[in-house]
Amino acid sequence: MSSSTLFGEDDPWARQRTSGVEVDMTSMIDCTFLLLIFFMVCSTMQSQPDIDLPVAAHSIGVDTQGASLITILAGAFNEPPRILLGDGVGDEVALDEVRRFVSDAVAAGNSRIVVKAEGDVSHGFIEDVARQIVAVEGAQLYMGVGDTPEDSQP
C-alpha cells in the first residue's frame, strides 16, 4: 500500500494554504470615524433641567411665634444670595455666622428655626444654610414654602 491519499495527489478536499493575505481595514476605520462624528454632532449634552415642584396639597404649618426666622434673598445678577436674620428684615450675615445665630437661639430656648427663601435662590445654597443649622445640637429645622409669588397674583 502506498502512502498516497485516497484521491491521489490532487485532493480537492485538502486545505489550501495561502500566505501573505492582507485585509484592507482603511474603509472600516473610515466608517467607524464617520459614525463617531455623526453621533457626536447629533447628540446634545444637556444638564438636568430645573424642576417646577407642584403646589403642596396638604401640609402642617409651623407656628412662627417663638421661632427664629432666617430669610434668604436672591442676590442681583452674578451676586450671591443674602442671608437676613429675621422675617425679611434684620441683620445681613455671612454663611458662617448662621451657626452662631442658631446656637444663641437654641440657648435662649428657641429650638425651632424656620428658613424662608425666595424662589430664585439655588437649592445648593439653601442646603449650605441648612447644614449650618443642623450642625447645632437641639435645633429643629423647618423650611418656609410660599404658595405663589406676590407679584404673580391676579
Protein backbone atom coordinates (compact mmCIF):
# COMPACT_ATOMS: atom_id res chain seq x y z
CA MET A 1 0.00 0.00 0.00
CA SER A 2 1.28 3.35 -0.88
CA SER A 3 1.29 6.45 1.27
CA SER A 4 -0.79 8.44 -1.21
CA THR A 5 -4.21 9.73 -0.28
CA LEU A 6 -7.44 8.18 -1.32
CA PHE A 7 -7.97 10.71 -4.11
CA GLY A 8 -4.41 10.85 -5.15
CA GLU A 9 -2.09 13.76 -5.06
CA ASP A 10 -4.71 16.28 -6.23
CA ASP A 11 -7.08 16.04 -3.26
CA PRO A 12 -10.00 18.53 -3.80
CA TRP A 13 -10.79 18.48 -0.09
CA ALA A 14 -7.33 19.35 1.05
CA ARG A 15 -6.80 22.71 2.69
CA GLN A 16 -5.25 25.26 0.54
CA ARG A 17 -2.82 27.37 2.42
CA THR A 18 -2.41 30.93 1.42
CA SER A 19 0.38 33.06 2.61
CA GLY A 20 0.63 36.81 2.80
CA VAL A 21 -3.10 37.63 2.57
CA GLU A 22 -3.88 41.09 3.99
CA VAL A 23 -7.28 42.65 4.66
CA ASP A 24 -7.52 46.37 3.94
CA MET A 25 -9.02 47.94 7.09
CA THR A 26 -8.96 51.53 5.79
CA SER A 27 -12.60 51.61 4.73
CA MET A 28 -13.77 50.07 8.02
CA ILE A 29 -11.84 52.67 10.01
CA ASP A 30 -13.32 55.43 7.84
CA CYS A 31 -16.84 54.15 8.53
CA THR A 32 -16.14 53.97 12.27
CA PHE A 33 -14.95 57.57 12.39
CA LEU A 34 -17.91 58.74 10.30
CA LEU A 35 -20.33 57.07 12.73
CA LEU A 36 -18.50 58.56 15.68
CA ILE A 37 -18.67 62.05 14.20
CA PHE A 38 -22.34 61.58 13.30
CA PHE A 39 -23.32 60.63 16.86
CA MET A 40 -21.22 63.43 18.36
CA VAL A 41 -22.90 66.02 16.14
CA CYS A 42 -26.44 64.68 16.55
CA SER A 43 -26.40 64.17 20.31
CA THR A 44 -26.83 67.06 22.72
CA MET A 45 -25.19 67.39 26.08
CA GLN A 46 -27.89 68.75 28.36
CA SER A 47 -27.79 69.23 32.06
CA GLN A 48 -30.78 68.28 34.14
CA PRO A 49 -33.49 70.92 33.63
CA ASP A 50 -34.88 72.93 36.52
CA ILE A 51 -37.81 71.25 38.20
CA ASP A 52 -41.02 73.08 38.99
CA LEU A 53 -42.45 71.43 42.07
CA PRO A 54 -46.23 71.15 42.30
CA VAL A 55 -48.14 73.12 44.90
CA ALA A 56 -48.47 71.23 48.20
CA ALA A 57 -52.00 70.00 48.77
CA HIS A 58 -51.51 69.13 52.45
CA SER A 59 -49.02 70.39 54.96
CA ILE A 60 -48.67 71.11 58.62
CA GLY A 61 -47.88 74.69 59.44
CA VAL A 62 -45.32 75.75 61.98
CA ASP A 63 -46.14 78.48 64.45
CA THR A 64 -43.60 81.21 63.85
CA GLN A 65 -44.27 82.75 67.27
CA GLY A 66 -41.31 81.74 69.36
CA ALA A 67 -39.35 80.50 66.34
CA SER A 68 -36.21 82.07 64.95
CA LEU A 69 -36.51 83.09 61.32
CA ILE A 70 -33.78 83.20 58.70
CA THR A 71 -34.60 84.76 55.33
CA ILE A 72 -32.57 84.07 52.21
CA LEU A 73 -32.98 86.62 49.45
CA ALA A 74 -31.77 86.12 45.91
CA GLY A 75 -28.89 88.37 45.01
CA ALA A 76 -28.76 90.60 41.97
CA PHE A 77 -27.28 89.29 38.73
CA ASN A 78 -23.98 87.46 39.48
CA GLU A 79 -24.32 88.32 43.18
CA PRO A 80 -24.51 85.68 45.92
CA PRO A 81 -27.77 85.32 47.89
CA ARG A 82 -28.20 87.43 51.03
CA ILE A 83 -28.94 85.94 54.45
CA LEU A 84 -31.07 88.04 56.81
CA LEU A 85 -31.62 87.14 60.46
CA GLY A 86 -35.33 87.75 60.80
CA ASP A 87 -38.52 87.70 58.76
CA GLY A 88 -37.37 89.63 55.69
CA VAL A 89 -35.73 92.33 57.78
CA GLY A 90 -32.76 92.11 60.06
CA ASP A 91 -29.03 91.95 60.05
CA GLU A 92 -27.37 90.65 56.92
CA VAL A 93 -24.82 87.99 57.80
CA ALA A 94 -22.40 85.65 56.08
CA LEU A 95 -22.98 81.91 55.85
CA ASP A 96 -20.57 81.04 58.66
CA GLU A 97 -22.38 83.38 61.09
CA VAL A 98 -25.64 81.41 60.80
CA ARG A 99 -24.39 78.72 63.17
CA ARG A 100 -23.67 81.27 65.92
CA PHE A 101 -27.16 82.77 65.50
CA VAL A 102 -28.75 79.32 65.78
CA SER A 103 -26.60 78.43 68.81
CA ASP A 104 -27.72 81.62 70.57
CA ALA A 105 -31.37 80.91 69.68
CA VAL A 106 -31.22 77.32 71.00
CA ALA A 107 -29.52 78.51 74.19
CA ALA A 108 -32.36 81.04 74.64
CA GLY A 109 -34.97 78.27 74.30
CA ASN A 110 -35.85 78.79 70.61
CA SER A 111 -35.11 75.41 69.10
CA ARG A 112 -37.37 75.93 66.06
CA ILE A 113 -35.52 77.55 63.16
CA VAL A 114 -37.62 78.50 60.13
CA VAL A 115 -35.81 79.20 56.86
CA LYS A 116 -37.66 81.25 54.25
CA ALA A 117 -36.06 81.58 50.82
CA GLU A 118 -37.00 83.30 47.60
CA GLY A 119 -37.68 81.09 44.62
CA ASP A 120 -34.60 82.26 42.73
CA VAL A 121 -32.17 81.04 45.41
CA SER A 122 -30.36 77.90 44.35
CA HIS A 123 -31.06 74.67 46.17
CA GLY A 124 -27.35 74.23 46.85
CA PHE A 125 -27.15 77.50 48.80
CA ILE A 126 -30.23 76.62 50.86
CA GLU A 127 -28.60 73.26 51.58
CA ASP A 128 -25.45 75.04 52.81
CA VAL A 129 -27.54 77.15 55.20
CA ALA A 130 -29.41 74.05 56.38
CA ARG A 131 -26.11 72.30 57.14
CA GLN A 132 -25.08 75.21 59.34
CA ILE A 133 -28.39 74.95 61.22
CA VAL A 134 -28.46 71.19 61.78
CA ALA A 135 -24.86 71.29 62.99
CA VAL A 136 -26.18 72.88 66.21
CA GLU A 137 -27.41 70.25 68.64
CA GLY A 138 -31.07 70.69 69.57
CA ALA A 139 -32.03 72.83 66.58
CA GLN A 140 -35.15 71.86 64.65
CA LEU A 141 -35.09 72.97 61.02
CA TYR A 142 -38.27 73.99 59.18
CA MET A 143 -38.48 75.28 55.61
CA GLY A 144 -40.95 78.01 54.78
CA VAL A 145 -42.72 77.50 51.47
CA GLY A 146 -44.76 80.19 49.77
CA ASP A 147 -47.89 79.33 47.83
CA THR A 148 -47.46 81.81 44.99
CA PRO A 149 -45.17 84.79 44.49
CA GLU A 150 -46.85 88.07 45.38
CA ASP A 151 -46.21 89.72 42.01
CA SER A 152 -47.90 86.89 40.06
CA GLN A 153 -51.22 87.03 41.93
CA PRO A 154 -54.14 88.30 39.85
